[in-house]
């Protein structure tokens, strides 16, 4: 999948790369400069890894509530929530953000599993009065985040970001172009995401970019974004959780699951794990002994045995060394546990 902003990125001299099937900028001005701008001022970044699907019809809320893990029925207009789509074995097929609009539900999942996700959702619409529409090819998105993000938002669309709860959504207009504004943080700073028609996205990007640069900010690529979100201990789909794991292994039970709502696909497995009280492996955050990022998939070891594998890593300027995530067996995943990487002298500590 190619971002609708690709010509803007090429004109800016960005280095492009593939991230889970999406062609996106890896870097613009360079990792150090972009990381500093995000921490000290504001960052503008491309989020066109989304697959966007909307649901209309009188049964839309009841339908999605019966399919996804979180409580969709509790949403009121303008609110959003994160959820998961599971299979019958409890494995994670997709991560969702679900936003309640006046006449429909807008959902984001990941473009890398777009076809499977749409096919699965469509399969469950049997007797329900629900209209599913895949709008991924018609809409696009980008985001801003950082200490000065709220100033840019207010200047662009006259909305006070601090008045919006996290994952709230509302309609706004920028330069007479209608779009949707989300209050959305990707690494713990004040942030917002804009969704608009794909043909308008380049003009909107340039408009926001001018404001970002006027306040000392920069466009930021996926390399810096990866480091920032790892510092915030925020897992990414599909890198850090996917259809090889269940929600409790991924550590998503507090953010993506309601344990008080009605039944949904995969609930039996989720409830069984909760009653058992533990899983045999779990996603953990790691701090490495070197500044070099270990490769994805590298084995981690304890007492000479393989006990897990790395799912993501990056150099962290805040830590002064590499950090990452991995799935590690229960006996060795407590904070402070010391691990070794296969085939070398690098060590890791669970944090």
Protein backbone atom coordinates (compact mmCIF):
# COMPACT_ATOMS: atom_id res chain seq x y z
CA UNK A 1 0.00 0.00 0.00
CA UNK A 2 1.33 3.45 -0.95
CA UNK A 3 0.63 6.58 1.07
CA UNK A 4 -1.32 9.34 -0.73
CA UNK A 5 1.37 11.70 0.57
CA UNK A 6 4.19 9.95 -1.27
CA UNK A 7 4.87 12.83 -3.70
CA UNK A 8 5.09 15.27 -0.78
CA UNK A 9 7.63 13.00 0.88
CA UNK A 10 9.67 12.54 -2.29
CA UNK A 11 9.77 16.30 -2.84
CA UNK A 12 11.06 16.71 0.71
CA UNK A 13 13.85 14.19 0.08
CA UNK A 14 12.49 11.64 2.54
CA UNK A 15 13.91 8.13 2.64
CA UNK A 16 11.02 5.76 1.97
CA UNK A 17 10.77 2.20 3.22
CA UNK A 18 8.20 -0.53 3.70
CA UNK A 19 6.63 -0.93 7.13
CA UNK A 20 4.29 -3.93 7.44
CA UNK A 21 3.28 -3.63 3.79
CA UNK A 22 2.95 0.19 3.79
CA UNK A 23 5.37 2.47 1.93
CA UNK A 24 6.07 5.32 4.38
CA UNK A 25 8.90 7.76 5.19
CA UNK A 26 11.67 6.25 7.29
CA UNK A 27 13.48 9.60 7.74
CA UNK A 28 13.28 13.21 6.57
CA UNK A 29 16.06 15.36 8.09
CA UNK A 30 17.59 12.49 10.09
CA UNK A 31 16.79 10.53 13.23
CA UNK A 32 18.42 12.84 15.79
CA UNK A 33 16.86 16.03 14.45
CA UNK A 34 13.41 14.46 14.14
CA UNK A 35 13.52 12.89 17.61
CA UNK A 36 14.54 16.21 19.16
CA UNK A 37 11.74 18.09 17.36
CA UNK A 38 9.16 15.57 18.59
CA UNK A 39 10.36 15.83 22.20
CA UNK A 40 10.95 19.59 22.36
CA UNK A 41 8.46 21.09 19.89
CA UNK A 42 6.11 19.19 17.58
CA UNK A 43 6.25 16.41 14.99
CA UNK A 44 4.15 15.90 11.86
CA UNK A 45 3.95 12.29 10.66
CA UNK A 46 2.19 10.12 8.10
CA UNK A 47 -0.29 7.58 9.53
CA UNK A 48 -1.46 6.01 6.30
CA UNK A 49 -1.03 2.50 7.63
CA UNK A 50 -4.74 2.63 8.51
CA UNK A 51 -7.39 0.54 6.83
CA UNK A 52 -10.65 2.47 7.24
CA UNK A 53 -14.03 0.77 7.34
CA UNK A 54 -17.34 2.35 8.32
CA UNK A 55 -20.55 0.69 9.51
CA UNK A 56 -24.00 2.16 8.99
CA UNK A 57 -27.49 0.79 9.62
CA UNK A 58 -29.61 0.40 12.76
CA UNK A 59 -27.81 -2.76 13.93
CA UNK A 60 -24.25 -1.40 13.55
CA UNK A 61 -23.51 -0.95 17.26
CA UNK A 62 -25.00 -4.25 18.37
CA UNK A 63 -23.19 -6.03 15.53
CA UNK A 64 -19.71 -4.66 16.27
CA UNK A 65 -20.22 -5.17 19.99
CA UNK A 66 -20.77 -8.88 19.30
CA UNK A 67 -17.61 -9.13 17.18
CA UNK A 68 -14.99 -6.99 18.96
CA UNK A 69 -13.55 -7.33 22.46
CA UNK A 70 -14.40 -3.91 23.90
CA UNK A 71 -17.73 -2.32 24.81
CA UNK A 72 -18.90 -0.62 21.62
CA UNK A 73 -22.42 -0.15 22.99
CA UNK A 74 -21.08 2.18 25.68
CA UNK A 75 -19.84 4.71 23.09
CA UNK A 76 -21.72 7.96 22.63
CA UNK A 77 -21.36 10.24 19.63
CA UNK A 78 -17.87 11.70 19.44
CA UNK A 79 -16.20 8.98 21.53
CA UNK A 80 -13.69 6.30 20.53
CA UNK A 81 -12.27 3.10 21.98
CA UNK A 82 -9.63 0.50 21.15
CA UNK A 83 -10.60 -3.12 20.61
CA UNK A 84 -9.47 -6.40 19.05
CA UNK A 85 -10.88 -8.80 16.50
CA UNK A 86 -10.18 -12.37 17.60
CA UNK A 87 -10.67 -15.76 16.05
CA UNK A 88 -12.39 -18.61 17.88
CA UNK A 89 -9.04 -19.64 19.40
CA UNK A 90 -8.58 -16.16 20.90
CA UNK A 91 -5.74 -15.14 18.56
CA UNK A 92 -5.58 -11.49 17.50
CA UNK A 93 -6.65 -11.03 13.88
CA UNK A 94 -6.66 -7.22 13.99
CA UNK A 95 -6.46 -4.20 16.27
CA UNK A 96 -9.27 -1.65 15.97
CA UNK A 97 -9.98 1.92 16.88
CA UNK A 98 -13.76 2.47 16.82
CA UNK A 99 -15.27 5.99 16.72
CA UNK A 100 -18.97 6.76 17.10
CA UNK A 101 -20.33 9.31 14.62
CA UNK A 102 -23.90 10.56 14.27
CA UNK A 103 -25.00 8.02 11.66
CA UNK A 104 -22.21 5.42 11.58
CA UNK A 105 -19.25 3.83 13.31
CA UNK A 106 -15.82 4.62 11.85
CA UNK A 107 -13.12 2.02 12.42
CA UNK A 108 -9.35 1.90 11.83
CA UNK A 109 -7.41 -1.33 11.53
CA UNK A 110 -4.08 -2.03 9.83
CA UNK A 111 -3.64 -2.01 6.05
CA UNK A 112 -1.46 -5.14 6.19
CA UNK A 113 -4.51 -7.23 7.17
CA UNK A 114 -7.11 -5.17 5.32
CA UNK A 115 -8.48 -7.86 3.02
CA UNK A 116 -8.69 -10.53 5.72
CA UNK A 117 -10.27 -8.10 8.17
CA UNK A 118 -12.95 -6.88 5.77
CA UNK A 119 -13.68 -10.44 4.68
CA UNK A 120 -14.04 -11.58 8.30
CA UNK A 121 -16.28 -8.67 9.27
CA UNK A 122 -18.47 -9.12 6.21
CA UNK A 123 -18.81 -12.85 6.91
CA UNK A 124 -20.48 -12.19 10.27
CA UNK A 125 -23.15 -9.89 8.80
CA UNK A 126 -25.95 -12.42 8.35
CA UNK A 127 -29.32 -11.23 9.67
CA UNK A 128 -28.08 -7.82 10.85
CA UNK A 129 -29.14 -4.60 9.16
CA UNK A 130 -25.60 -3.30 8.72
CA UNK A 131 -23.88 -1.63 5.77
CA UNK A 132 -20.11 -2.14 5.64
CA UNK A 133 -18.04 0.27 3.52
CA UNK A 134 -14.29 0.05 3.02
CA UNK A 135 -13.14 3.68 2.53
CA UNK A 136 -9.38 3.06 2.65
CA UNK A 137 -8.93 4.05 -0.99
CA UNK A 138 -10.94 7.25 -0.54
CA UNK A 139 -9.53 8.63 2.73
CA UNK A 140 -6.14 9.21 4.31
CA UNK A 141 -4.58 10.50 7.52
CA UNK A 142 -1.65 12.16 9.22
CA UNK A 143 -0.93 13.24 12.80
CA UNK A 144 0.88 15.81 14.89
CA UNK A 145 2.22 15.32 18.40
CA UNK A 146 4.47 17.09 20.84
CA UNK A 147 4.51 19.88 23.45
CA UNK A 148 3.32 22.48 20.89
CA UNK A 149 0.77 20.33 19.05
CA UNK A 150 -2.23 22.01 20.70
CA UNK A 151 -1.12 25.41 19.39
CA UNK A 152 -0.98 24.09 15.82
CA UNK A 153 -4.43 22.47 16.11
CA UNK A 154 -6.04 25.63 17.43
CA UNK A 155 -4.42 27.70 14.70
CA UNK A 156 -5.47 25.28 11.95
CA UNK A 157 -9.08 24.55 12.92
CA UNK A 158 -9.95 26.64 16.00
CA UNK A 159 -10.32 23.68 18.32
CA UNK A 160 -8.84 23.58 21.83
CA UNK A 161 -7.21 20.15 21.95
CA UNK A 162 -7.16 20.14 25.75
CA UNK A 163 -10.97 20.28 25.75
CA UNK A 164 -11.19 16.96 23.90
CA UNK A 165 -10.80 13.67 25.81
CA UNK A 166 -8.32 11.14 24.43
CA UNK A 167 -9.82 9.30 21.42
CA UNK A 168 -12.56 11.91 20.95
CA UNK A 169 -13.52 12.75 17.37
CA UNK A 170 -15.18 15.77 15.79
CA UNK A 171 -15.73 17.36 12.38
CA UNK A 172 -13.58 20.40 11.57
CA UNK A 173 -12.69 22.51 8.54
CA UNK A 174 -9.21 23.59 7.46
CA UNK A 175 -8.94 26.05 4.56
CA UNK A 176 -12.57 25.19 3.65
CA UNK A 177 -11.67 21.49 3.44
CA UNK A 178 -13.82 19.33 5.76
CA UNK A 179 -11.97 16.70 7.73
CA UNK A 180 -12.18 14.82 11.02
CA UNK A 181 -10.02 15.59 14.02
CA UNK A 182 -9.09 12.92 16.58
CA UNK A 183 -7.50 13.54 19.94
CA UNK A 184 -4.91 10.78 19.67
CA UNK A 185 -1.52 10.26 21.29
CA UNK A 186 1.00 7.83 19.82
CA UNK A 187 3.79 8.29 22.41
CA UNK A 188 2.23 10.04 25.39
CA UNK A 189 2.48 13.69 24.31
CA UNK A 190 -0.50 15.88 23.32
CA UNK A 191 -1.47 14.71 19.84
CA UNK A 192 -4.08 14.90 17.12
CA UNK A 193 -4.81 12.99 13.94
CA UNK A 194 -6.55 14.35 10.85
CA UNK A 195 -8.65 12.25 8.43
CA UNK A 196 -9.71 13.62 5.06
CA UNK A 197 -10.30 12.71 1.44
CA UNK A 198 -7.11 11.41 -0.16
CA UNK A 199 -7.09 14.14 -2.82
CA UNK A 200 -7.10 16.85 -0.13
CA UNK A 201 -4.42 15.28 2.03
CA UNK A 202 -1.36 16.88 0.32
CA UNK A 203 -2.80 20.40 0.74
CA UNK A 204 -3.67 19.72 4.37
CA UNK A 205 -0.19 18.29 5.00
CA UNK A 206 1.44 21.43 3.58
CA UNK A 207 -0.84 23.65 5.66
CA UNK A 208 0.03 21.87 8.90
CA UNK A 209 3.70 21.55 7.93
CA UNK A 210 4.01 25.33 7.66
CA UNK A 211 2.66 25.71 11.19
CA UNK A 212 4.89 22.93 12.52
CA UNK A 213 8.05 24.45 11.07
CA UNK A 214 7.11 27.93 12.28
CA UNK A 215 7.32 26.55 15.83
CA UNK A 216 10.56 24.66 15.45
CA UNK A 217 9.01 21.32 14.60
CA UNK A 218 9.69 18.91 11.73
CA UNK A 219 8.12 16.10 9.74
CA UNK A 220 9.09 12.84 11.38
CA UNK A 221 9.63 9.43 9.82
CA UNK A 222 8.93 5.96 11.11
CA UNK A 223 12.44 5.47 12.56
CA UNK A 224 12.01 8.27 15.10
CA UNK A 225 8.37 7.35 15.66
CA UNK A 226 9.40 3.78 16.47
CA UNK A 227 11.87 4.99 19.12
CA UNK A 228 9.34 7.39 20.62
CA UNK A 229 6.59 4.80 20.95
CA UNK A 230 9.02 2.22 22.42
CA UNK A 231 10.07 4.76 25.03
CA UNK A 232 6.36 5.13 25.83
CA UNK A 233 6.07 1.29 25.95
CA UNK A 234 3.32 1.37 23.30
CA UNK A 235 3.09 -1.87 21.27
CA UNK A 236 2.40 -1.78 17.54
CA UNK A 237 0.22 -4.11 15.51
CA UNK A 238 1.33 -6.26 13.71
CA UNK A 239 4.95 -6.06 14.94
CA UNK A 240 4.33 -6.66 18.66
CA UNK A 241 1.01 -8.50 18.59
CA UNK A 242 -0.74 -10.40 15.82
CA UNK A 243 -2.44 -13.71 15.10
CA UNK A 244 0.31 -15.69 16.86
CA UNK A 245 -0.73 -14.44 20.32
CA UNK A 246 -3.77 -13.94 22.52
CA UNK A 247 -4.65 -10.64 24.27
CA UNK A 248 -3.22 -11.48 27.70
CA UNK A 249 0.08 -12.58 26.19
CA UNK A 250 0.25 -9.19 24.45
CA UNK A 251 -0.66 -7.34 27.68
CA UNK A 252 -3.75 -5.69 26.14
CA UNK A 253 -6.39 -6.75 28.63
CA UNK A 254 -6.53 -3.35 30.36
CA UNK A 255 -6.78 -1.26 27.18
CA UNK A 256 -8.60 -3.34 24.56
CA UNK A 257 -10.99 -5.66 26.43
CA UNK A 258 -14.21 -5.30 28.41
CA UNK A 259 -14.79 -8.09 30.89
CA UNK A 260 -18.35 -6.95 31.66
CA UNK A 261 -19.93 -6.80 28.20
CA UNK A 262 -21.73 -9.61 26.41
CA UNK A 263 -20.29 -12.41 24.30
CA UNK A 264 -17.90 -11.92 21.38
CA UNK A 265 -15.80 -14.19 19.18
CA UNK A 266 -12.89 -15.61 21.19
CA UNK A 267 -14.35 -14.63 24.58
CA UNK A 268 -14.24 -18.18 25.92
CA UNK A 269 -10.45 -18.29 25.58
CA UNK A 270 -9.99 -14.80 27.08
CA UNK A 271 -12.15 -15.72 30.09
CA UNK A 272 -10.40 -19.06 30.53
CA UNK A 273 -7.02 -17.34 30.70
CA UNK A 274 -8.35 -14.79 33.18
CA UNK A 275 -9.68 -17.51 35.46
CA UNK A 276 -6.36 -19.36 35.26
CA UNK A 277 -4.55 -16.20 36.33
CA UNK A 278 -1.52 -16.28 34.04
CA UNK A 279 -0.12 -17.03 30.59
CA UNK A 280 3.04 -18.98 29.83
CA UNK A 281 4.67 -16.10 27.93
CA UNK A 282 4.12 -12.38 27.85
CA UNK A 283 5.20 -9.28 25.94
CA UNK A 284 7.77 -7.34 27.93
CA UNK A 285 9.82 -4.17 27.52
CA UNK A 286 13.57 -4.60 27.32
CA UNK A 287 16.60 -2.38 27.85
CA UNK A 288 19.70 -3.66 26.05
CA UNK A 289 23.34 -3.31 27.10
CA UNK A 290 24.44 -1.70 23.81
CA UNK A 291 23.27 1.13 21.55
CA UNK A 292 22.91 -1.22 18.56
CA UNK A 293 19.36 -2.41 17.96
CA UNK A 294 19.09 -6.22 17.89
CA UNK A 295 17.37 -7.70 14.83
CA UNK A 296 13.70 -8.57 14.92
CA UNK A 297 13.22 -12.23 15.69
CA UNK A 298 16.49 -12.59 17.58
CA UNK A 299 16.23 -15.15 20.38
CA UNK A 300 16.65 -14.18 24.01
CA UNK A 301 18.10 -16.72 26.39
CA UNK A 302 18.32 -17.46 30.11
CA UNK A 303 20.49 -20.12 31.73
CA UNK A 304 21.53 -21.32 28.27
CA UNK A 305 17.99 -21.93 26.99
CA UNK A 306 15.82 -19.96 24.55
CA UNK A 307 13.06 -18.21 26.48
CA UNK A 308 11.69 -15.72 23.93
CA UNK A 309 12.17 -13.60 20.81
CA UNK A 310 12.42 -9.87 20.04
CA UNK A 311 9.51 -8.25 18.19
CA UNK A 312 10.80 -4.66 17.89
CA UNK A 313 13.81 -2.54 18.84
CA UNK A 314 15.33 0.91 18.37
CA UNK A 315 18.02 3.16 19.79
CA UNK A 316 16.56 5.32 22.56
CA UNK A 317 18.19 8.74 23.07
CA UNK A 318 16.42 8.96 26.45
CA UNK A 319 17.91 5.66 27.64
CA UNK A 320 21.24 6.14 25.88
CA UNK A 321 21.03 2.59 24.56
CA UNK A 322 18.76 0.31 22.55
CA UNK A 323 15.34 -0.68 23.88
CA UNK A 324 12.69 -3.01 22.55
CA UNK A 325 9.95 -5.55 23.12
CA UNK A 326 9.95 -9.33 23.22
CA UNK A 327 7.80 -12.28 24.22
CA UNK A 328 9.44 -14.03 27.17
CA UNK A 329 8.44 -17.12 29.12
CA UNK A 330 6.77 -16.61 32.49
CA UNK A 331 9.75 -17.82 34.50
CA UNK A 332 11.94 -15.01 33.15
CA UNK A 333 9.64 -12.05 32.41
CA UNK A 334 9.47 -10.29 35.77
CA UNK A 335 10.93 -6.74 35.92
CA UNK A 336 14.66 -6.90 36.57
CA UNK A 337 15.10 -10.30 34.91
CA UNK A 338 18.45 -10.59 33.12
CA UNK A 339 18.55 -12.13 29.64
CA UNK A 340 21.16 -12.74 26.96
CA UNK A 341 20.87 -12.43 23.20
CA UNK A 342 21.80 -15.44 21.13
CA UNK A 343 25.18 -15.48 19.43
CA UNK A 344 26.81 -12.52 21.18
CA UNK A 345 27.65 -10.66 24.36
CA UNK A 346 24.64 -8.32 24.38
CA UNK A 347 22.43 -8.60 27.43
CA UNK A 348 18.92 -7.34 28.14
CA UNK A 349 16.97 -6.41 31.25
CA UNK A 350 13.19 -6.62 31.56
CA UNK A 351 11.84 -3.20 32.56
